[in-house]
Amino acid sequence: MGEILMAIKATHVPSMLISEQPGPANGCRQMAIDAEREIGRRALELGVDTFVVFDTHWLVNAGYHINNNAVHKGNYTSHEFPHFIQDLPYEFPGNPELGSLIAEEATAMGVKTRAHAVASLDLEYGTILPMRYMNPEGKIKVVSIAGWSTFGSLEESRIVGEALAKAVARSGSKIALIASGSMSHQIWENRLVEAGFNTISREFNKQVDLRVLQLWEAGQWDIFLKMLPEYAQYCTGEGRMHDNAMLFGALGWDKFEGQAEIVCPYFESSGTGQVVVNFPVSGIPLASTRMGAGMPVS
């Protein structure tokens, strides 16, 4: 029987790559890089065999989608930030059996989900960058799930997460879940974005982000999940925060227990709020008893 062994909220800011390079920004994101390397070290230590990444840079308009290739291999240039990410090679093994089970369970629960084995379906950088640091040698398999559904609801994304937990229980896989996205995500307007490289665009967003981190550290999941739809709306959540809904759906929603560990302290980047957080999973109820806790949103 499979298990969820880790659950992580992870930044994927392109400035992590810039931080690796010589120049004035060298080392600017070292704390985030070190935190994601630490997550990778823990994953190997725990015996994780698959990272499942909810990728807020994979935007879809209809249905839910899984990159289910047996091997993820490519040379990636970002359409969004080609000046930051270009010709970046990557190679990770996939886990087609698990991806197919997730799609099967989610579809059976009423959310049409497709698992694609298409060689030309590339990974997005919301998967590639965390895996660059967490999984640099490609020892751990990767399943990438589209984490930005423009016309899907947070409730549907919660169900996809719940279905994932059921699929993992049916599998033999040992899983680390990665919600790959920022906290608030109001990028600076174009004329200010370069000057705002290390700042946030709205003080309101920062204060809400910091309050959310307090709730996470205190384990007040019920309060956080009640505010999630408005948090996503008013703080311009990346991918409308579908990655959070998927993550907590898999963890049992407001029945999740435990208190968050901040692995990389909160930092500001090009107008957004970023962090790396570990959600200890030892308190997750059994999959057979934790399901059915919905959220009152459409």
Protein backbone atom coordinates (compact mmCIF):
# COMPACT_ATOMS: atom_id res chain seq x y z
CA MET A 1 0.00 0.00 0.00
CA GLY A 2 1.33 3.42 -0.93
CA GLU A 3 1.91 6.32 1.43
CA ILE A 4 2.14 10.10 1.41
CA LEU A 5 5.37 10.76 3.29
CA MET A 6 5.89 14.49 2.69
CA ALA A 7 3.85 17.56 1.78
CA ILE A 8 5.61 20.77 0.76
CA LYS A 9 4.74 24.28 -0.37
CA ALA A 10 7.63 25.33 -2.62
CA THR A 11 8.74 28.42 -4.47
CA HIS A 12 9.81 28.19 -8.10
CA VAL A 13 10.90 31.78 -8.74
CA PRO A 14 13.15 32.09 -11.82
CA SER A 15 15.53 34.25 -9.80
CA MET A 16 16.74 31.01 -8.23
CA LEU A 17 18.52 30.33 -11.51
CA ILE A 18 19.86 33.89 -11.63
CA SER A 19 21.13 33.32 -8.10
CA GLU A 20 23.36 30.52 -9.37
CA GLN A 21 25.04 32.71 -11.97
CA PRO A 22 27.88 35.23 -11.66
CA GLY A 23 26.82 38.83 -11.39
CA PRO A 24 25.11 41.24 -9.01
CA ALA A 25 22.29 38.80 -8.17
CA ASN A 26 24.60 35.89 -7.37
CA GLY A 27 23.47 34.19 -4.16
CA CYS A 28 20.26 36.25 -3.84
CA ARG A 29 18.05 33.16 -3.52
CA GLN A 30 20.51 30.87 -1.77
CA MET A 31 18.18 30.33 1.20
CA ALA A 32 15.44 29.05 -1.11
CA ILE A 33 17.86 26.83 -3.02
CA ASP A 34 19.27 25.39 0.21
CA ALA A 35 15.75 24.78 1.55
CA GLU A 36 14.69 22.84 -1.53
CA ARG A 37 17.92 20.83 -1.45
CA GLU A 38 17.09 20.00 2.17
CA ILE A 39 13.64 18.81 1.11
CA GLY A 40 15.31 16.55 -1.44
CA ARG A 41 17.71 15.19 1.18
CA ARG A 42 14.80 14.39 3.50
CA ALA A 43 12.87 12.75 0.66
CA LEU A 44 15.73 10.35 -0.05
CA GLU A 45 16.15 9.66 3.66
CA LEU A 46 12.44 8.83 4.02
CA GLY A 47 12.43 6.53 1.00
CA VAL A 48 10.26 8.71 -1.25
CA ASP A 49 10.11 7.21 -4.74
CA THR A 50 7.83 9.78 -6.44
CA PHE A 51 7.38 13.54 -6.35
CA VAL A 52 3.88 14.61 -7.34
CA VAL A 53 4.03 18.29 -8.31
CA PHE A 54 0.97 20.55 -8.51
CA ASP A 55 2.38 23.01 -11.05
CA THR A 56 0.81 26.49 -11.16
CA HIS A 57 2.74 27.24 -14.36
CA TRP A 58 0.81 24.59 -16.25
CA LEU A 59 -2.36 26.43 -17.26
CA VAL A 60 -5.31 24.44 -18.62
CA ASN A 61 -8.73 25.61 -19.77
CA ALA A 62 -10.85 22.45 -19.72
CA GLY A 63 -10.58 19.36 -17.58
CA TYR A 64 -7.69 18.34 -15.33
CA HIS A 65 -4.46 17.02 -16.78
CA ILE A 66 -1.45 14.95 -15.74
CA ASN A 67 1.91 14.71 -17.50
CA ASN A 68 2.23 10.93 -17.35
CA ASN A 69 5.30 10.31 -19.46
CA ALA A 70 7.56 7.44 -18.45
CA VAL A 71 10.53 9.77 -18.90
CA HIS A 72 10.50 13.56 -18.67
CA LYS A 73 13.34 14.89 -20.78
CA GLY A 74 13.85 18.18 -22.54
CA ASN A 75 15.65 21.46 -22.99
CA TYR A 76 13.41 24.16 -21.54
CA THR A 77 13.08 27.84 -22.40
CA SER A 78 10.36 29.80 -20.64
CA HIS A 79 7.91 31.67 -22.87
CA GLU A 80 7.14 33.91 -19.90
CA PHE A 81 10.72 34.69 -18.84
CA PRO A 82 13.05 33.70 -21.72
CA HIS A 83 15.65 36.14 -20.39
CA PHE A 84 15.74 34.19 -17.10
CA ILE A 85 15.24 30.56 -18.18
CA GLN A 86 16.62 29.37 -21.50
CA ASP A 87 18.02 26.08 -22.78
CA LEU A 88 17.70 24.48 -19.35
CA PRO A 89 18.16 20.70 -19.66
CA TYR A 90 16.17 18.34 -17.46
CA GLU A 91 15.61 14.60 -17.19
CA PHE A 92 13.52 12.74 -14.61
CA PRO A 93 11.82 9.35 -14.62
CA GLY A 94 8.02 9.30 -14.49
CA ASN A 95 5.50 7.07 -12.72
CA PRO A 96 2.83 6.21 -15.32
CA GLU A 97 1.09 3.68 -13.08
CA LEU A 98 0.43 6.27 -10.39
CA GLY A 99 -0.57 8.98 -12.86
CA SER A 100 -3.14 6.67 -14.43
CA LEU A 101 -4.56 5.76 -11.02
CA ILE A 102 -4.93 9.44 -10.09
CA ALA A 103 -6.81 10.18 -13.32
CA GLU A 104 -9.03 7.13 -12.81
CA GLU A 105 -9.93 8.05 -9.23
CA ALA A 106 -10.55 11.74 -9.97
CA THR A 107 -12.74 10.96 -12.96
CA ALA A 108 -14.72 8.44 -10.90
CA MET A 109 -15.28 11.20 -8.32
CA GLY A 110 -16.78 13.48 -10.97
CA VAL A 111 -13.80 15.59 -12.07
CA LYS A 112 -12.74 14.58 -15.58
CA THR A 113 -8.97 14.06 -15.46
CA ARG A 114 -6.69 12.81 -18.20
CA ALA A 115 -3.21 11.27 -17.87
CA HIS A 116 -1.09 11.96 -20.97
CA ALA A 117 1.82 9.88 -22.23
CA VAL A 118 2.92 12.23 -25.02
CA ALA A 119 6.64 12.64 -25.62
CA SER A 120 6.27 16.24 -26.82
CA LEU A 121 4.35 17.28 -23.68
CA ASP A 122 7.10 19.11 -21.82
CA LEU A 123 7.29 19.93 -18.14
CA GLU A 124 6.73 23.54 -17.05
CA TYR A 125 9.20 25.40 -14.87
CA GLY A 126 6.94 25.11 -11.85
CA THR A 127 8.02 21.46 -11.90
CA ILE A 128 11.50 21.77 -13.40
CA LEU A 129 12.91 24.29 -10.92
CA PRO A 130 11.87 22.57 -7.66
CA MET A 131 13.08 19.27 -9.13
CA ARG A 132 16.39 20.89 -10.08
CA TYR A 133 17.12 21.33 -6.38
CA MET A 134 15.08 18.55 -4.75
CA ASN A 135 15.89 15.86 -7.29
CA PRO A 136 19.13 16.92 -9.04
CA GLU A 137 20.30 13.43 -9.93
CA GLY A 138 16.87 12.28 -11.09
CA LYS A 139 16.74 9.41 -8.62
CA ILE A 140 13.08 10.04 -7.73
CA LYS A 141 10.19 9.70 -10.18
CA VAL A 142 8.10 12.73 -11.10
CA VAL A 143 4.39 13.13 -11.86
CA SER A 144 3.33 16.66 -12.82
CA ILE A 145 -0.30 17.79 -12.48
CA ALA A 146 -1.60 21.01 -14.02
CA GLY A 147 -2.09 23.36 -11.09
CA TRP A 148 -3.87 26.24 -12.80
CA SER A 149 -7.38 25.52 -14.06
CA THR A 150 -8.74 28.78 -15.46
CA PHE A 151 -12.35 27.58 -15.49
CA GLY A 152 -12.15 24.89 -12.81
CA SER A 153 -13.17 25.53 -9.21
CA LEU A 154 -11.12 25.20 -6.06
CA GLU A 155 -13.64 22.57 -4.98
CA GLU A 156 -12.81 20.48 -8.05
CA SER A 157 -9.11 20.85 -7.28
CA ARG A 158 -9.78 19.71 -3.72
CA ILE A 159 -11.46 16.61 -5.16
CA VAL A 160 -8.45 15.93 -7.39
CA GLY A 161 -6.26 16.03 -4.29
CA GLU A 162 -8.62 13.69 -2.48
CA ALA A 163 -8.57 11.35 -5.47
CA LEU A 164 -4.78 11.44 -5.43
CA ALA A 165 -4.75 10.21 -1.84
CA LYS A 166 -7.02 7.32 -2.82
CA ALA A 167 -4.79 6.51 -5.80
CA VAL A 168 -1.66 6.54 -3.65
CA ALA A 169 -3.34 4.16 -1.20
CA ARG A 170 -3.98 1.76 -4.10
CA SER A 171 -0.42 2.02 -5.38
CA GLY A 172 2.89 0.89 -3.99
CA SER A 173 4.37 4.36 -4.22
CA LYS A 174 5.94 6.46 -1.47
CA ILE A 175 5.01 10.04 -2.28
CA ALA A 176 6.16 13.58 -1.62
CA LEU A 177 3.57 16.18 -2.62
CA ILE A 178 4.83 19.54 -3.88
CA ALA A 179 2.45 22.50 -4.16
CA SER A 180 4.60 24.57 -6.51
CA GLY A 181 3.59 28.20 -6.34
CA SER A 182 3.93 31.48 -4.52
CA MET A 183 1.87 32.89 -1.71
CA SER A 184 0.57 36.28 -2.92
CA HIS A 185 1.43 36.87 -6.56
CA GLN A 186 0.88 40.44 -7.71
CA ILE A 187 3.95 40.98 -9.90
CA TRP A 188 5.14 44.56 -10.21
CA GLU A 189 3.89 46.44 -13.26
CA ASN A 190 6.33 46.39 -16.13
CA ARG A 191 7.95 49.79 -15.55
CA LEU A 192 8.71 48.89 -11.92
CA VAL A 193 9.47 45.18 -12.09
CA GLU A 194 13.26 45.42 -12.39
CA ALA A 195 13.57 47.87 -9.50
CA GLY A 196 11.22 45.65 -7.48
CA PHE A 197 13.35 42.50 -7.84
CA ASN A 198 13.56 41.98 -4.05
CA THR A 199 10.31 43.64 -2.91
CA ILE A 200 6.59 42.94 -2.74
CA SER A 201 4.11 45.04 -4.70
CA ARG A 202 1.41 45.47 -2.02
CA GLU A 203 1.81 45.73 1.73
CA PHE A 204 -1.68 44.25 2.11
CA ASN A 205 -0.54 41.09 0.34
CA LYS A 206 2.52 40.79 2.56
CA GLN A 207 0.50 41.13 5.75
CA VAL A 208 -2.01 38.50 4.61
CA ASP A 209 0.86 36.17 3.63
CA LEU A 210 2.44 36.57 7.06
CA ARG A 211 -0.89 35.91 8.77
CA VAL A 212 -1.33 32.75 6.70
CA LEU A 213 2.10 31.55 7.81
CA GLN A 214 1.05 32.14 11.43
CA LEU A 215 -2.06 30.00 10.85
CA TRP A 216 0.04 27.27 9.27
CA GLU A 217 2.57 27.23 12.08
CA ALA A 218 -0.26 27.08 14.63
CA GLY A 219 -2.02 24.29 12.71
CA GLN A 220 -5.20 26.33 12.30
CA TRP A 221 -6.17 24.65 9.05
CA ASP A 222 -9.90 25.23 9.38
CA ILE A 223 -9.40 29.01 9.47
CA PHE A 224 -6.96 28.98 6.56
CA LEU A 225 -9.18 26.84 4.37
CA LYS A 226 -12.21 29.02 5.05
CA MET A 227 -10.25 32.06 3.85
CA LEU A 228 -8.54 30.32 0.90
CA PRO A 229 -10.99 31.43 -1.84
CA GLU A 230 -10.79 35.10 -0.80
CA TYR A 231 -7.04 34.85 -0.19
CA ALA A 232 -6.61 33.60 -3.75
CA GLN A 233 -8.84 36.38 -5.08
CA TYR A 234 -7.65 39.44 -3.17
CA CYS A 235 -3.95 38.53 -3.10
CA THR A 236 -3.83 37.46 -6.76
CA GLY A 237 -2.94 33.88 -5.94
CA GLU A 238 -0.63 32.18 -8.42
CA GLY A 239 -2.71 29.77 -10.47
CA ARG A 240 -5.64 30.96 -8.32
CA MET A 241 -4.04 28.80 -5.60
CA HIS A 242 -5.31 25.56 -7.09
CA ASP A 243 -2.09 23.94 -5.92
CA ASN A 244 -3.10 24.64 -2.30
CA ALA A 245 -6.56 23.15 -2.83
CA MET A 246 -5.03 20.00 -4.35
CA LEU A 247 -2.46 19.69 -1.57
CA PHE A 248 -4.92 20.02 1.27
CA GLY A 249 -7.44 17.84 -0.52
CA ALA A 250 -4.82 15.09 -0.47
CA LEU A 251 -4.05 15.76 3.20
CA GLY A 252 -7.64 15.45 4.38
CA TRP A 253 -8.63 19.14 4.13
CA ASP A 254 -9.52 20.60 7.54
CA LYS A 255 -9.00 17.20 9.19
CA PHE A 256 -5.27 17.51 8.61
CA GLU A 257 -3.30 17.64 11.84
CA GLY A 258 0.11 18.99 12.67
CA GLN A 259 1.93 22.29 12.48
CA ALA A 260 3.90 23.67 9.57
CA GLU A 261 7.68 24.02 9.56
CA ILE A 262 9.08 27.04 7.71
CA VAL A 263 12.10 25.64 5.88
CA CYS A 264 12.89 28.83 3.95
CA PRO A 265 11.78 32.09 5.59
CA TYR A 266 9.34 34.31 3.73
CA PHE A 267 10.95 36.50 1.08
CA GLU A 268 9.81 39.05 -1.49
CA SER A 269 10.52 38.61 -5.18
CA SER A 270 9.43 40.81 -8.10
CA GLY A 271 6.25 41.81 -6.29
CA THR A 272 5.36 38.36 -4.91
CA GLY A 273 5.60 36.54 -1.58
CA GLN A 274 7.62 33.31 -1.54
CA VAL A 275 8.38 30.54 0.94
CA VAL A 276 9.29 26.87 1.37
CA VAL A 277 7.14 25.10 3.98
CA ASN A 278 7.00 21.52 5.21
CA PHE A 279 3.62 20.18 6.34
CA PRO A 280 4.45 17.15 8.54
CA VAL A 281 2.20 14.29 7.49
CA SER A 282 2.40 11.97 10.48
CA GLY A 283 -1.02 13.18 11.61
CA ILE A 284 -2.92 12.42 8.40
CA PRO A 285 -6.05 10.31 9.09
CA LEU A 286 -6.48 7.06 7.17
CA ALA A 287 -7.61 7.59 3.58
CA SER A 288 -10.77 5.56 4.23
CA THR A 289 -11.91 7.90 7.03
CA ARG A 290 -10.79 11.35 6.00
CA MET A 291 -12.74 11.94 2.80
CA GLY A 292 -15.77 14.07 2.17
CA ALA A 293 -14.82 17.41 3.76
CA GLY A 294 -15.83 19.82 1.02
CA MET A 295 -15.49 23.57 0.72
CA PRO A 296 -18.37 26.01 0.18
CA VAL A 297 -17.15 27.56 -3.07
CA SER A 298 -18.12 27.18 -6.70
